[in-house]
Amino acid sequence: MKLRTLLLASVFVLAACGSPEAATAPAAQPGGVNITANQNRVRAQKVDAIAALVPAGIRTRGTLVVGTTGNGTPPLSFRADDDKTVIGVEPDLAQLVADVLGLKLDLQASSWENLFLSVENRQFDAGFSNITVTEERKDKYDFATYRKDTIAFEVKNEKTLAVQGPKDIAGLTVGVSAGTNQEQILLRWDQQNKAAGLAPAKFQYYQTTSDYYLALQSGRIEAYAGPNPTSAYHVAVDGKTKIVGTVSGGGTIPADIAAMTKKDNGLVKALQQALDTVIKNGQYAEVLKRWNLTSEALPASEINPQGLPRK
C-alpha cells in the first residue's frame, strides 16, 4: 500500500476522506481542507522589476522548474485525491513566486536526496520542500526564507498537559522520529531532567507518521513531537488532537525554512524579492491560512540568514 494511502487511512481516522490532493467534491475535503486536484490556488501578478532579476537563461525558457517532495506529507507537499497532482503549502508558495517572476511553474516531484542533487546540477532551478537553512547547506546552496521551522507537541484532546520546556516531558512516553532535530532536542531535554533528578522520558519510534497517530490514539504514547505543519494539518482534519506546545526546529537556535537554489547562480535575489512581495501584499498570508500554518509566518524573506550550526 502506498504511503499516501496509509497516511490517510490513519491520520484521517474518522474523517470522511481518503487522501492528500485530488478531485473536486466537497465531500472529499476533510476538515474543510481542499485535497482535490482543482486547487484554485492563490495567484499573484508579475512584477517587472523583480522579473528582470531572473537569470537570462531562465527568463528565455519561460519556466521556473521547482523540485518538491510530493511524498504524502500533508500539508507540505503531497498528492491530491487523483493520486498524481502535487498540492500543499510548498507548491502554493512556489506558484506565487513564479507568478511574480512572470514564469510558468514547472513543479517536479522528487525524493529528498534527489532534490538536492537536482538543484546542484541545475536540473531544478529551486527547491521548495520544507528545507531548513543550515551552515553546511550554505556551502553549496543559496536560500530565501519563507517560514519558521517549528516543532510541535501533539496530544489527545482530553490531555491537560502543556509542553514548554524540558521538565514538561519528564515521565512522559513520547513518539519521535529517529535522526531528526526534534529527537535531538528531546534527548537533550531528557538528559537535563535526569541530571535534575526528574523522571526520565520514554521515547517510542515508528516507521511512518500514520503509525505515530495510531499510537497516540491508542494511548501507547502520550505525546507526539513532529514538524508543526504535519501536526497542524492533523489537528485540523482529525479533530481529536491538539497542539500543546511548540519549539524552534533548532531548539534554542531560531531556524528558518527557505527556497533553495544553487549557490551563486544569480536566482536567489529574485526569489527573495518575489517572496517579500507576496508577504507584503497579503497573498502569502492567504496561503498559510488555508493550510493552517499562520503561526509559521515570517515578516520578511531573508537571503542566507544564520543557519543551524555544522554537525
Protein backbone atom coordinates (compact mmCIF):
# COMPACT_ATOMS: atom_id res chain seq x y z
CA MET A 1 0.00 0.00 0.00
CA LYS A 2 1.30 3.48 -0.83
CA LEU A 3 2.46 5.80 1.96
CA ARG A 4 -0.19 8.32 0.95
CA THR A 5 -2.93 5.75 1.39
CA LEU A 6 -1.52 4.63 4.70
CA LEU A 7 -1.34 8.19 5.91
CA LEU A 8 -4.93 8.91 5.01
CA ALA A 9 -6.16 5.67 6.44
CA SER A 10 -4.74 6.50 9.83
CA VAL A 11 -4.09 10.21 10.04
CA PHE A 12 -7.64 10.91 8.98
CA VAL A 13 -9.20 8.35 11.26
CA LEU A 14 -12.92 9.02 11.39
CA ALA A 15 -12.53 11.81 8.83
CA ALA A 16 -14.64 11.20 5.75
CA CYS A 17 -11.94 11.24 3.12
CA GLY A 18 -9.12 9.24 1.77
CA SER A 19 -6.03 11.08 0.58
CA PRO A 20 -3.85 14.13 0.10
CA GLU A 21 -4.52 16.07 -3.17
CA ALA A 22 -7.32 15.38 -5.57
CA ALA A 23 -10.79 15.55 -7.14
CA THR A 24 -13.39 18.29 -6.58
CA ALA A 25 -16.28 17.12 -4.49
CA PRO A 26 -16.72 18.96 -1.17
CA ALA A 27 -17.23 15.55 0.45
CA ALA A 28 -13.56 14.79 -0.25
CA GLN A 29 -12.36 17.69 1.85
CA PRO A 30 -11.57 16.55 5.42
CA GLY A 31 -11.80 19.34 7.98
CA GLY A 32 -12.63 21.80 5.21
CA VAL A 33 -9.21 21.32 3.56
CA ASN A 34 -9.33 21.05 -0.22
CA ILE A 35 -7.40 17.93 -1.22
CA THR A 36 -8.69 17.79 -4.78
CA ALA A 37 -6.66 18.33 -7.96
CA ASN A 38 -8.67 21.51 -8.55
CA GLN A 39 -6.83 23.67 -6.01
CA ASN A 40 -7.89 27.13 -7.17
CA ARG A 41 -4.57 28.42 -5.85
CA VAL A 42 -3.96 31.97 -4.70
CA ARG A 43 -2.24 33.73 -7.62
CA ALA A 44 -0.04 36.82 -7.89
CA GLN A 45 0.71 39.40 -10.59
CA LYS A 46 4.04 39.72 -12.39
CA VAL A 47 6.33 42.46 -11.08
CA ASP A 48 8.53 43.56 -13.97
CA ALA A 49 11.37 44.95 -11.83
CA ILE A 50 11.69 41.64 -9.94
CA ALA A 51 11.24 39.52 -13.06
CA ALA A 52 14.20 41.38 -14.57
CA LEU A 53 16.41 39.93 -11.81
CA VAL A 54 15.88 36.36 -13.07
CA PRO A 55 18.94 34.97 -14.90
CA ALA A 56 18.61 35.30 -18.67
CA GLY A 57 18.56 31.55 -19.33
CA ILE A 58 15.56 31.01 -17.09
CA ARG A 59 13.75 34.08 -18.47
CA THR A 60 14.26 32.82 -22.04
CA ARG A 61 12.97 29.36 -21.13
CA GLY A 62 9.90 30.94 -19.53
CA THR A 63 9.51 28.37 -16.76
CA LEU A 64 10.59 28.11 -13.14
CA VAL A 65 11.47 24.47 -12.50
CA VAL A 66 10.82 23.73 -8.82
CA GLY A 67 11.53 20.46 -7.06
CA THR A 68 9.43 19.31 -4.13
CA THR A 69 8.99 16.03 -2.31
CA GLY A 70 5.42 15.08 -3.17
CA ASN A 71 5.68 12.10 -0.86
CA GLY A 72 2.48 12.17 1.14
CA THR A 73 3.32 14.67 3.88
CA PRO A 74 0.30 16.96 4.25
CA PRO A 75 0.13 19.90 4.26
CA LEU A 76 3.66 20.40 2.91
CA SER A 77 3.70 18.65 -0.44
CA PHE A 78 1.56 15.63 -1.25
CA ARG A 79 -0.61 14.10 -3.95
CA ALA A 80 -4.24 15.03 -4.39
CA ASP A 81 -7.07 12.53 -4.46
CA ASP A 82 -6.34 11.92 -8.15
CA ASP A 83 -3.06 10.37 -6.91
CA LYS A 84 -0.93 12.43 -9.29
CA THR A 85 -1.41 16.19 -8.80
CA VAL A 86 1.06 17.56 -6.24
CA ILE A 87 -0.53 20.03 -3.82
CA GLY A 88 0.26 21.65 -0.48
CA VAL A 89 1.71 24.80 1.03
CA GLU A 90 5.05 24.35 -0.77
CA PRO A 91 3.52 24.18 -4.28
CA ASP A 92 1.25 27.12 -3.41
CA LEU A 93 4.17 29.33 -2.38
CA ALA A 94 6.22 28.23 -5.41
CA GLN A 95 3.27 29.25 -7.60
CA LEU A 96 3.17 32.73 -6.08
CA VAL A 97 6.91 33.18 -6.67
CA ALA A 98 6.65 32.00 -10.28
CA ASP A 99 3.76 34.42 -10.86
CA VAL A 100 5.72 37.42 -9.53
CA LEU A 101 8.66 36.42 -11.74
CA GLY A 102 6.41 36.15 -14.80
CA LEU A 103 7.25 32.47 -15.26
CA LYS A 104 5.18 29.32 -15.68
CA LEU A 105 5.62 26.97 -12.71
CA ASP A 106 7.05 23.56 -13.67
CA LEU A 107 6.62 21.55 -10.46
CA GLN A 108 8.67 18.36 -10.25
CA ALA A 109 8.05 15.71 -7.59
CA SER A 110 11.31 14.34 -6.24
CA SER A 111 12.80 12.23 -3.49
CA TRP A 112 14.52 14.18 -0.71
CA GLU A 113 18.01 13.05 -1.75
CA ASN A 114 17.46 13.73 -5.45
CA LEU A 115 16.08 17.19 -4.68
CA PHE A 116 19.47 18.46 -3.51
CA LEU A 117 21.37 16.82 -6.36
CA SER A 118 18.94 18.19 -8.94
CA VAL A 119 19.26 21.75 -7.62
CA GLU A 120 23.03 21.43 -7.53
CA ASN A 121 23.24 20.21 -11.15
CA ARG A 122 20.68 22.81 -12.32
CA GLN A 123 18.02 20.28 -13.29
CA PHE A 124 15.80 22.20 -10.85
CA ASP A 125 16.03 25.97 -10.53
CA ALA A 126 14.90 25.84 -6.92
CA GLY A 127 13.66 23.55 -4.18
CA PHE A 128 10.54 24.29 -2.13
CA SER A 129 10.32 21.36 0.27
CA ASN A 130 10.40 22.32 3.97
CA ILE A 131 14.18 22.80 3.69
CA THR A 132 15.86 24.18 6.81
CA VAL A 133 18.71 26.64 6.38
CA THR A 134 21.95 25.19 7.75
CA GLU A 135 25.51 26.48 7.66
CA GLU A 136 26.60 23.27 5.96
CA ARG A 137 24.00 23.60 3.19
CA LYS A 138 25.01 27.20 2.59
CA ASP A 139 28.33 25.90 1.21
CA LYS A 140 26.51 24.66 -1.90
CA TYR A 141 23.19 26.49 -1.97
CA ASP A 142 21.63 29.94 -1.55
CA PHE A 143 18.45 30.38 0.48
CA ALA A 144 15.49 32.76 0.55
CA THR A 145 13.45 32.22 3.72
CA TYR A 146 9.66 31.92 3.85
CA ARG A 147 8.59 30.10 7.04
CA LYS A 148 9.68 29.47 10.59
CA ASP A 149 10.96 25.97 11.25
CA THR A 150 8.80 24.80 14.15
CA ILE A 151 8.34 21.54 16.04
CA ALA A 152 5.00 20.83 17.71
CA PHE A 153 3.91 18.63 20.60
CA GLU A 154 0.57 16.97 19.88
CA VAL A 155 -1.67 15.15 22.36
CA LYS A 156 -5.24 13.83 22.53
CA ASN A 157 -7.85 16.50 23.28
CA GLU A 158 -8.56 15.21 26.78
CA LYS A 159 -4.93 15.65 27.91
CA THR A 160 -4.32 18.71 30.09
CA LEU A 161 -0.53 18.91 29.83
CA ALA A 162 1.43 21.73 28.16
CA VAL A 163 4.96 21.39 26.81
CA GLN A 164 7.14 24.47 27.10
CA GLY A 165 10.47 23.06 28.19
CA PRO A 166 12.43 20.05 29.47
CA LYS A 167 10.53 19.46 32.74
CA ASP A 168 7.25 19.10 30.84
CA ILE A 169 8.34 15.81 29.21
CA ALA A 170 9.59 14.24 32.47
CA GLY A 171 8.00 10.81 32.84
CA LEU A 172 6.10 11.02 29.53
CA THR A 173 6.09 8.48 26.72
CA VAL A 174 6.77 10.49 23.57
CA GLY A 175 6.73 9.44 19.94
CA VAL A 176 9.53 10.95 17.84
CA SER A 177 11.29 10.06 14.59
CA ALA A 178 14.90 8.89 14.85
CA GLY A 179 17.64 11.09 13.43
CA THR A 180 15.57 14.27 13.44
CA ASN A 181 16.08 17.69 15.02
CA GLN A 182 13.17 17.01 17.35
CA GLU A 183 14.76 13.80 18.60
CA GLN A 184 17.98 15.66 19.40
CA ILE A 185 16.04 18.33 21.30
CA LEU A 186 14.15 15.72 23.33
CA LEU A 187 17.31 13.76 24.13
CA ARG A 188 18.97 16.95 25.42
CA TRP A 189 15.90 17.77 27.49
CA ASP A 190 15.82 14.26 28.92
CA GLN A 191 19.48 14.49 29.94
CA GLN A 192 18.78 17.80 31.71
CA ASN A 193 15.82 16.25 33.50
CA LYS A 194 17.78 13.23 34.69
CA ALA A 195 20.60 15.48 35.90
CA ALA A 196 17.99 17.45 37.89
CA GLY A 197 16.59 14.27 39.44
CA LEU A 198 13.36 14.26 37.36
CA ALA A 199 11.77 11.13 35.93
CA PRO A 200 13.20 10.08 32.55
CA ALA A 201 11.04 10.22 29.45
CA LYS A 202 10.39 7.16 27.31
CA PHE A 203 10.77 7.52 23.54
CA GLN A 204 8.88 5.41 21.01
CA TYR A 205 9.94 5.10 17.37
CA TYR A 206 7.69 4.07 14.47
CA GLN A 207 8.08 3.87 10.70
CA THR A 208 5.53 6.40 9.41
CA THR A 209 3.52 9.42 10.53
CA SER A 210 0.39 7.28 10.41
CA ASP A 211 1.97 4.86 12.90
CA TYR A 212 2.60 7.71 15.35
CA TYR A 213 -1.01 8.84 15.14
CA LEU A 214 -2.32 5.32 15.70
CA ALA A 215 -0.05 5.05 18.75
CA LEU A 216 -1.29 8.42 20.03
CA GLN A 217 -4.94 7.44 19.59
CA SER A 218 -4.44 4.08 21.31
CA GLY A 219 -2.53 5.57 24.25
CA ARG A 220 0.78 3.82 23.55
CA ILE A 221 2.34 7.28 23.51
CA GLU A 222 1.16 10.34 25.43
CA ALA A 223 2.54 12.92 23.04
CA TYR A 224 3.97 13.12 19.54
CA ALA A 225 6.82 15.51 18.70
CA GLY A 226 6.99 16.26 14.98
CA PRO A 227 7.06 19.02 12.37
CA ASN A 228 4.46 21.66 13.22
CA PRO A 229 2.91 21.65 9.71
CA THR A 230 2.13 17.93 9.96
CA SER A 231 0.58 18.31 13.40
CA ALA A 232 -1.35 21.47 12.48
CA TYR A 233 -2.86 19.67 9.48
CA HIS A 234 -3.73 16.59 11.51
CA VAL A 235 -5.41 18.71 14.19
CA ALA A 236 -7.46 20.47 11.50
CA VAL A 237 -8.69 17.36 9.71
CA ASP A 238 -8.99 14.86 12.56
CA GLY A 239 -10.38 16.99 15.39
CA LYS A 240 -9.35 14.59 18.16
CA THR A 241 -5.93 16.02 18.99
CA LYS A 242 -4.44 19.39 19.87
CA ILE A 243 -1.05 21.10 19.89
CA VAL A 244 0.13 21.84 23.44
CA GLY A 245 3.46 23.49 22.74
CA THR A 246 5.94 24.41 20.03
CA VAL A 247 9.69 24.94 19.88
CA SER A 248 12.07 26.14 17.18
CA GLY A 249 13.41 23.38 14.94
CA GLY A 250 16.84 24.47 16.15
CA GLY A 251 15.92 24.14 19.83
CA THR A 252 17.41 27.27 21.41
CA ILE A 253 18.52 28.50 17.96
CA PRO A 254 15.93 30.10 15.64
CA ALA A 255 15.58 28.10 12.43
CA ASP A 256 14.02 29.01 9.08
CA ILE A 257 12.53 27.16 6.13
CA ALA A 258 13.65 28.52 2.76
CA ALA A 259 13.57 28.23 -1.00
CA MET A 260 16.88 26.70 -2.08
CA THR A 261 18.81 27.38 -5.28
CA LYS A 262 22.34 26.60 -6.49
CA LYS A 263 24.90 28.86 -4.87
CA ASP A 264 25.83 31.97 -6.87
CA ASN A 265 23.60 31.10 -9.84
CA GLY A 266 22.02 34.58 -9.70
CA LEU A 267 18.49 33.48 -8.80
CA VAL A 268 18.28 33.93 -5.03
CA LYS A 269 17.67 37.70 -5.06
CA ALA A 270 14.72 37.27 -7.42
CA LEU A 271 13.29 34.53 -5.19
CA GLN A 272 13.71 36.66 -2.07
CA GLN A 273 12.11 39.75 -3.59
CA ALA A 274 9.23 37.72 -5.00
CA LEU A 275 8.61 36.21 -1.56
CA ASP A 276 8.83 39.64 0.06
CA THR A 277 6.28 40.96 -2.42
CA VAL A 278 3.64 38.33 -1.61
CA ILE A 279 4.36 38.67 2.12
CA LYS A 280 3.64 42.40 1.92
CA ASN A 281 0.56 42.16 -0.30
CA GLY A 282 -1.15 39.51 1.86
CA GLN A 283 -1.20 36.62 -0.63
CA TYR A 284 1.41 34.75 1.42
CA ALA A 285 -0.85 35.03 4.49
CA GLU A 286 -3.77 33.64 2.46
CA VAL A 287 -1.73 30.57 1.54
CA LEU A 288 -0.58 29.92 5.11
CA LYS A 289 -4.12 30.35 6.41
CA ARG A 290 -5.56 27.79 4.00
CA TRP A 291 -3.08 25.20 5.30
CA ASN A 292 -3.44 26.17 8.99
CA LEU A 293 0.16 27.44 9.18
CA THR A 294 -0.33 31.09 10.14
CA SER A 295 1.87 30.58 13.21
CA GLU A 296 4.88 29.96 10.95
CA ALA A 297 4.65 33.27 9.09
CA LEU A 298 7.77 35.42 8.67
CA PRO A 299 7.59 39.24 8.48
CA ALA A 300 10.04 39.30 5.56
CA SER A 301 12.17 36.99 3.44
CA GLU A 302 15.92 36.98 4.04
CA ILE A 303 18.81 35.76 1.91
CA ASN A 304 21.14 33.28 3.60
CA PRO A 305 20.43 34.07 7.28
CA GLN A 306 22.30 32.30 10.06
CA GLY A 307 21.56 28.60 9.70
CA LEU A 308 21.70 25.70 12.09
CA PRO A 309 25.32 25.02 13.07
CA ARG A 310 27.54 22.47 11.42
CA LYS A 311 27.47 19.00 12.92
